[in-house]
Amino acid sequence: MKRDGFQKRLAELMVSKGVDAARISEDTEGRIGRTTVLGWENGSAKPGYSTARELARTYNVDLNWLFGVNEEE
């Protein structure tokens, strides 16, 4: 199964920041749940705007980069 832009960038983000789904939940003080991130990773779910924005802000990445629109993080 081919990954979409968000899945690919989520994987890149997790590797570059050295985080897993549980750590993302911790870093966002539970605003993004571990099971939510797992759903994103396996492609069974997509983030809404506010959740994606929270992820981008937490890890200081561009929201457009996160969705695969821009190449610059």
Protein backbone atom coordinates (compact mmCIF):
# COMPACT_ATOMS: atom_id res chain seq x y z
CA MET A 1 0.00 0.00 0.00
CA LYS A 2 1.40 3.37 -1.04
CA ARG A 3 1.70 5.99 1.69
CA ASP A 4 0.06 9.34 1.13
CA GLY A 5 1.93 12.60 1.70
CA PHE A 6 0.88 12.89 5.32
CA GLN A 7 1.82 9.31 6.22
CA LYS A 8 5.22 9.71 4.60
CA ARG A 9 5.92 13.00 6.34
CA LEU A 10 4.67 11.67 9.69
CA ALA A 11 7.16 8.81 9.38
CA GLU A 12 9.94 11.27 8.51
CA LEU A 13 9.00 13.49 11.44
CA MET A 14 8.97 10.60 13.89
CA VAL A 15 12.40 9.40 12.75
CA SER A 16 13.98 12.86 12.70
CA LYS A 17 12.61 13.78 16.14
CA GLY A 18 13.17 10.30 17.58
CA VAL A 19 9.58 9.93 18.78
CA ASP A 20 6.93 7.25 18.71
CA ALA A 21 3.15 7.46 19.08
CA ALA A 22 3.33 7.41 22.88
CA ARG A 23 5.89 10.23 22.93
CA ILE A 24 3.77 12.37 20.60
CA SER A 25 0.89 11.94 23.03
CA GLU A 26 3.15 12.99 25.91
CA ASP A 27 4.62 15.94 24.03
CA THR A 28 1.14 17.22 23.18
CA GLU A 29 -0.03 16.69 26.78
CA GLY A 30 -2.56 14.13 25.58
CA ARG A 31 -4.20 16.41 23.03
CA ILE A 32 -3.15 13.89 20.37
CA GLY A 33 -3.70 10.35 21.58
CA ARG A 34 -1.36 7.44 20.99
CA THR A 35 -4.06 5.45 19.18
CA THR A 36 -4.77 8.45 16.96
CA VAL A 37 -1.14 8.54 15.85
CA LEU A 38 -1.16 4.78 15.28
CA GLY A 39 -4.19 5.24 13.00
CA TRP A 40 -2.32 7.89 11.04
CA GLU A 41 0.72 5.64 10.74
CA ASN A 42 -1.25 2.71 9.33
CA GLY A 43 -3.44 4.88 7.10
CA SER A 44 -6.76 4.06 8.76
CA ALA A 45 -7.26 7.68 9.83
CA LYS A 46 -6.37 11.19 8.73
CA PRO A 47 -5.87 14.20 11.00
CA GLY A 48 -8.22 17.11 11.10
CA TYR A 49 -6.83 20.60 10.64
CA SER A 50 -6.59 21.50 14.34
CA THR A 51 -4.91 18.22 15.23
CA ALA A 52 -2.41 18.50 12.38
CA ARG A 53 -1.72 22.09 13.41
CA GLU A 54 -1.05 20.92 16.98
CA LEU A 55 1.42 18.32 15.70
CA ALA A 56 3.17 20.88 13.46
CA ARG A 57 3.44 23.42 16.28
CA THR A 58 4.69 20.87 18.78
CA TYR A 59 7.53 19.77 16.53
CA ASN A 60 8.13 23.12 14.83
CA VAL A 61 7.43 21.98 11.28
CA ASP A 62 5.46 23.68 8.53
CA LEU A 63 1.90 22.43 8.19
CA ASN A 64 2.18 22.35 4.39
CA TRP A 65 5.35 20.26 4.71
CA LEU A 66 3.51 17.86 7.00
CA PHE A 67 0.89 17.25 4.32
CA GLY A 68 3.48 16.85 1.58
CA VAL A 69 2.73 20.14 -0.16
CA ASN A 70 6.09 21.82 0.47
CA GLU A 71 9.55 20.29 0.54
CA GLU A 72 10.89 22.56 3.27
CA GLU A 73 10.28 21.46 6.82
